[in-house]
Amino acid sequence: MSETWCARSRDDLSPAEREALRHQMDEARRLRDAETRQRHERASDRARQQWREAEPADPEHPYLVNKGVGPHHARQRGDRLVLPVIDPADASITSLQTIGPDGGKWLLPGGRKRGCCIPVALCDGGPTLIAEGFATACTLAEADPTARVLAAIDAGNLEPVALAVRKRWPDADLVICGDADEVGTTKARAAAIAAGARLAIPEFPPGAEGSDFNDLAALVAVGGAQ
C-alpha cells in the first residue's frame, strides 16, 4: 500500500491552521537562533582560552617574511600565527583565525565571523581602513601609522564589517580597501555604498600580477630595489 503526500498551499489553510503554522515556524526559528548563540558562545570561550595561551608572534615567521609585514597584534601557537577575530561593538573576541607557514588559513569552527574583524592597528588619529585579509591590512597599517586598520577576513564580510564599524565609529573617515579582482571590487564597492565610506582599489601597471595592496607594495619594493 502506498500513499501520496502533497503540501497544502497557505491559501488552503484555515485562519486557525495558518496561526498554528506561524507559531510553529516562530518556535523553530527561536530554537535555531538559540542553538547558534550557544555555538558562538562555546567558540568564543575556546578562542579566548587559545588566545591567552598563545605566545607573541615570531617576526621571522615564514608567512610574515613572505608578505613583507610585521606581526602587529598576531600571536603564535606552534608554527601557526593566531589572530583574534573581534566584534567591533565591544572588541570582544568571537573567534580566531590561524595562518600556517604556507599561508593556509583556518577559522575556529563554530565562531562568529559575520560583522567581525581582525584588528591590526587601533590608532585614533587618522582614517579607518578596512581590507580583506590580514597581510593587506598590515601593509596599510605600515603605510599610514595614524590609521585604524581592520581585516574583514574575506570579501563577503566587507559590508557587514563596514556597517558594524560605521555604527561603532559614526564619524570615522571610513575607507574600504578592496582587492582589484572582480569579486573583491564588487564587494568593496557595495560595502562603501552601504556604510557611506570611501573606496580604494589598487591599480597595477599593465602586465603586472597581483590583486591587493600587499601585492602592490611588494611590486613597488621590487621596482625600487632595481
Protein backbone atom coordinates (compact mmCIF):
# COMPACT_ATOMS: atom_id res chain seq x y z
CA MET A 1 0.00 0.00 0.00
CA SER A 2 1.33 3.39 -0.94
CA GLU A 3 0.28 6.90 -0.08
CA THR A 4 0.73 10.14 -1.96
CA TRP A 5 1.52 13.25 0.08
CA CYS A 6 1.38 16.80 -1.13
CA ALA A 7 1.88 20.09 0.64
CA ARG A 8 -1.13 22.32 1.06
CA SER A 9 -0.90 25.92 -0.02
CA ARG A 10 -1.17 28.52 2.75
CA ASP A 11 -4.21 29.81 0.88
CA ASP A 12 -5.93 26.48 1.54
CA LEU A 13 -5.38 26.67 5.30
CA SER A 14 -7.97 27.92 7.72
CA PRO A 15 -7.15 31.00 9.84
CA ALA A 16 -6.52 28.72 12.83
CA GLU A 17 -4.20 26.49 10.79
CA ARG A 18 -2.27 29.50 9.48
CA GLU A 19 -1.84 30.80 13.02
CA ALA A 20 -0.63 27.39 14.20
CA LEU A 21 1.83 27.23 11.31
CA ARG A 22 3.13 30.71 12.13
CA HIS A 23 3.69 29.71 15.77
CA GLN A 24 5.45 26.52 14.64
CA MET A 25 7.79 28.47 12.33
CA ASP A 26 8.49 31.08 15.04
CA GLU A 27 9.36 28.33 17.52
CA ALA A 28 11.67 26.60 15.03
CA ARG A 29 13.40 29.92 14.38
CA ARG A 30 13.75 30.61 18.10
CA LEU A 31 15.33 27.20 18.70
CA ARG A 32 17.67 27.62 15.74
CA ASP A 33 18.77 31.06 16.94
CA ALA A 34 19.34 29.74 20.46
CA GLU A 35 21.48 26.89 19.14
CA THR A 36 23.51 29.35 17.05
CA ARG A 37 24.09 31.61 20.05
CA GLN A 38 25.22 28.66 22.16
CA ARG A 39 27.60 27.50 19.44
CA HIS A 40 29.03 31.01 19.13
CA GLU A 41 29.44 31.30 22.92
CA ARG A 42 31.30 27.98 23.14
CA ALA A 43 33.59 29.00 20.28
CA SER A 44 34.20 32.39 21.89
CA ASP A 45 35.25 30.67 25.13
CA ARG A 46 37.67 28.43 23.20
CA ALA A 47 39.02 31.41 21.28
CA ARG A 48 39.75 33.43 24.42
CA GLN A 49 41.47 30.45 26.04
CA GLN A 50 43.65 29.76 23.00
CA TRP A 51 44.45 33.46 22.66
CA ARG A 52 45.63 33.63 26.27
CA GLU A 53 47.82 30.56 25.74
CA ALA A 54 49.45 31.88 22.55
CA GLU A 55 52.90 33.48 22.57
CA PRO A 56 53.96 36.70 20.82
CA ALA A 57 54.41 36.00 17.11
CA ASP A 58 57.90 35.48 15.73
CA PRO A 59 58.65 38.38 13.32
CA GLU A 60 60.54 35.84 11.21
CA HIS A 61 57.52 33.60 10.76
CA PRO A 62 57.62 32.43 7.10
CA TYR A 63 54.22 33.92 6.27
CA LEU A 64 55.18 37.34 7.61
CA VAL A 65 58.53 37.24 5.81
CA ASN A 66 56.85 36.19 2.56
CA LYS A 67 54.34 39.02 2.82
CA GLY A 68 56.92 41.56 3.97
CA VAL A 69 54.94 42.69 7.02
CA GLY A 70 55.35 42.76 10.77
CA PRO A 71 53.28 40.70 13.22
CA HIS A 72 51.35 43.64 14.70
CA HIS A 73 48.90 42.07 17.21
CA ALA A 74 49.40 38.50 15.99
CA ARG A 75 50.37 35.74 18.39
CA GLN A 76 51.59 32.22 17.68
CA ARG A 77 50.85 28.63 18.68
CA GLY A 78 53.32 26.12 17.31
CA ASP A 79 54.06 27.10 13.73
CA ARG A 80 50.74 28.94 13.18
CA LEU A 81 50.04 32.63 13.61
CA VAL A 82 47.00 33.30 15.80
CA LEU A 83 44.79 36.31 15.03
CA PRO A 84 41.86 37.47 17.18
CA VAL A 85 38.50 37.96 15.48
CA ILE A 86 36.57 40.64 17.37
CA ASP A 87 33.14 42.24 17.44
CA PRO A 88 33.71 45.95 16.64
CA ALA A 89 30.92 46.93 19.03
CA ASP A 90 32.84 45.98 22.17
CA ALA A 91 36.16 44.44 20.98
CA SER A 92 35.19 41.06 22.45
CA ILE A 93 36.86 38.03 20.86
CA THR A 94 34.36 35.95 18.92
CA SER A 95 36.72 33.60 17.09
CA LEU A 96 40.28 33.10 15.87
CA GLN A 97 41.95 32.85 12.50
CA THR A 98 45.24 30.96 12.28
CA ILE A 99 47.74 31.11 9.43
CA GLY A 100 50.35 28.46 8.71
CA PRO A 101 53.86 28.94 7.29
CA ASP A 102 52.49 28.14 3.81
CA GLY A 103 49.72 30.74 4.11
CA GLY A 104 46.93 28.24 4.80
CA LYS A 105 44.19 29.95 6.82
CA TRP A 106 41.78 28.32 9.27
CA LEU A 107 38.89 29.80 11.21
CA LEU A 108 37.91 28.36 14.57
CA PRO A 109 34.90 26.06 13.99
CA GLY A 110 31.65 27.50 15.31
CA GLY A 111 33.00 31.01 15.80
CA ARG A 112 31.03 34.09 14.77
CA LYS A 113 32.54 35.78 11.72
CA ARG A 114 29.80 37.88 10.14
CA GLY A 115 30.35 41.53 11.01
CA CYS A 116 33.50 40.68 12.98
CA CYS A 117 37.06 41.54 12.03
CA ILE A 118 40.76 41.17 12.83
CA PRO A 119 42.24 44.29 14.49
CA VAL A 120 45.63 45.19 13.03
CA ALA A 121 46.12 48.81 14.12
CA LEU A 122 43.95 50.65 16.63
CA CYS A 123 45.16 54.24 16.22
CA ASP A 124 42.62 57.01 16.63
CA GLY A 125 44.03 59.96 14.68
CA GLY A 126 43.61 59.02 11.05
CA PRO A 127 41.24 57.22 8.70
CA THR A 128 39.66 53.86 9.43
CA LEU A 129 40.74 51.37 6.77
CA ILE A 130 39.02 48.03 6.16
CA ALA A 131 40.78 45.46 3.99
CA GLU A 132 40.00 41.84 3.22
CA GLY A 133 42.96 39.87 4.58
CA PHE A 134 45.45 40.22 7.41
CA ALA A 135 48.57 40.79 5.29
CA THR A 136 46.87 43.50 3.25
CA ALA A 137 45.71 45.20 6.43
CA CYS A 138 49.27 45.04 7.82
CA THR A 139 50.59 46.68 4.65
CA LEU A 140 48.06 49.51 5.00
CA ALA A 141 48.88 49.99 8.70
CA GLU A 142 52.57 50.24 7.95
CA ALA A 143 51.91 52.74 5.14
CA ASP A 144 49.83 55.00 7.43
CA PRO A 145 50.78 54.79 11.12
CA THR A 146 47.88 57.13 12.03
CA ALA A 147 45.19 54.80 10.69
CA ARG A 148 42.87 52.41 12.43
CA VAL A 149 43.13 49.25 10.29
CA LEU A 150 40.90 46.19 10.35
CA ALA A 151 40.78 42.99 8.28
CA ALA A 152 37.32 41.70 7.30
CA ILE A 153 38.71 38.17 6.65
CA ASP A 154 37.11 37.88 3.20
CA ALA A 155 35.30 39.93 0.56
CA GLY A 156 31.86 38.67 1.57
CA ASN A 157 32.34 40.07 5.08
CA LEU A 158 33.36 43.58 3.96
CA GLU A 159 29.85 45.01 4.03
CA PRO A 160 28.81 43.54 7.43
CA VAL A 161 32.09 44.77 8.94
CA ALA A 162 31.76 48.20 7.34
CA LEU A 163 28.25 48.60 8.77
CA ALA A 164 29.37 47.44 12.23
CA VAL A 165 32.34 49.81 12.16
CA ARG A 166 30.18 52.73 10.99
CA LYS A 167 27.84 52.06 13.91
CA ARG A 168 30.76 51.89 16.35
CA TRP A 169 32.51 54.99 15.00
CA PRO A 170 29.81 57.03 13.19
CA ASP A 171 32.11 59.97 12.42
CA ALA A 172 35.07 57.92 11.17
CA ASP A 173 36.67 58.66 7.80
CA LEU A 174 35.95 55.15 6.61
CA VAL A 175 37.78 53.71 3.60
CA ILE A 176 37.06 50.28 2.13
CA CYS A 177 40.33 48.99 0.65
CA GLY A 178 39.18 46.28 -1.72
CA ASP A 179 41.08 43.82 -3.87
CA ALA A 180 41.39 44.50 -7.59
CA ASP A 181 39.78 41.23 -8.72
CA GLU A 182 36.15 41.19 -9.84
CA VAL A 183 34.67 39.79 -6.63
CA GLY A 184 36.81 41.98 -4.39
CA THR A 185 35.97 45.17 -6.27
CA THR A 186 32.24 44.38 -6.42
CA LYS A 187 32.01 43.56 -2.71
CA ALA A 188 34.14 46.54 -1.69
CA ARG A 189 32.01 48.94 -3.71
CA ALA A 190 28.82 47.56 -2.16
CA ALA A 191 30.34 47.92 1.32
CA ALA A 192 31.39 51.51 0.65
CA ILE A 193 27.91 52.45 -0.56
CA ALA A 194 26.18 50.72 2.35
CA ALA A 195 28.37 52.35 5.00
CA GLY A 196 28.84 55.76 3.39
CA ALA A 197 32.56 55.14 3.03
CA ARG A 198 35.25 55.94 0.50
CA LEU A 199 36.55 53.24 -1.81
CA ALA A 200 40.19 52.43 -2.61
CA ILE A 201 41.24 49.77 -5.13
CA PRO A 202 44.92 49.17 -6.03
CA GLU A 203 45.97 49.95 -9.60
CA PHE A 204 48.65 47.77 -11.17
CA PRO A 205 50.88 48.59 -14.15
CA PRO A 206 49.95 46.80 -17.39
CA GLY A 207 51.11 43.18 -17.32
CA ALA A 208 51.80 43.18 -13.58
CA GLU A 209 50.32 40.40 -11.45
CA GLY A 210 48.55 40.98 -8.17
CA SER A 211 45.21 41.89 -6.65
CA ASP A 212 45.62 43.60 -3.28
CA PHE A 213 47.62 46.39 -1.62
CA ASN A 214 50.14 43.89 -0.25
CA ASP A 215 50.84 42.68 -3.80
CA LEU A 216 51.20 46.29 -4.94
CA ALA A 217 53.61 47.10 -2.11
CA ALA A 218 55.73 44.06 -3.00
CA LEU A 219 55.79 45.16 -6.64
CA VAL A 220 56.86 48.67 -5.70
CA ALA A 221 59.56 47.30 -3.37
CA VAL A 222 60.99 45.13 -6.15
CA GLY A 223 60.94 48.07 -8.55
CA GLY A 224 62.68 50.31 -6.04
CA ALA A 225 65.38 47.70 -5.42
CA GLN A 226 66.29 47.52 -9.11
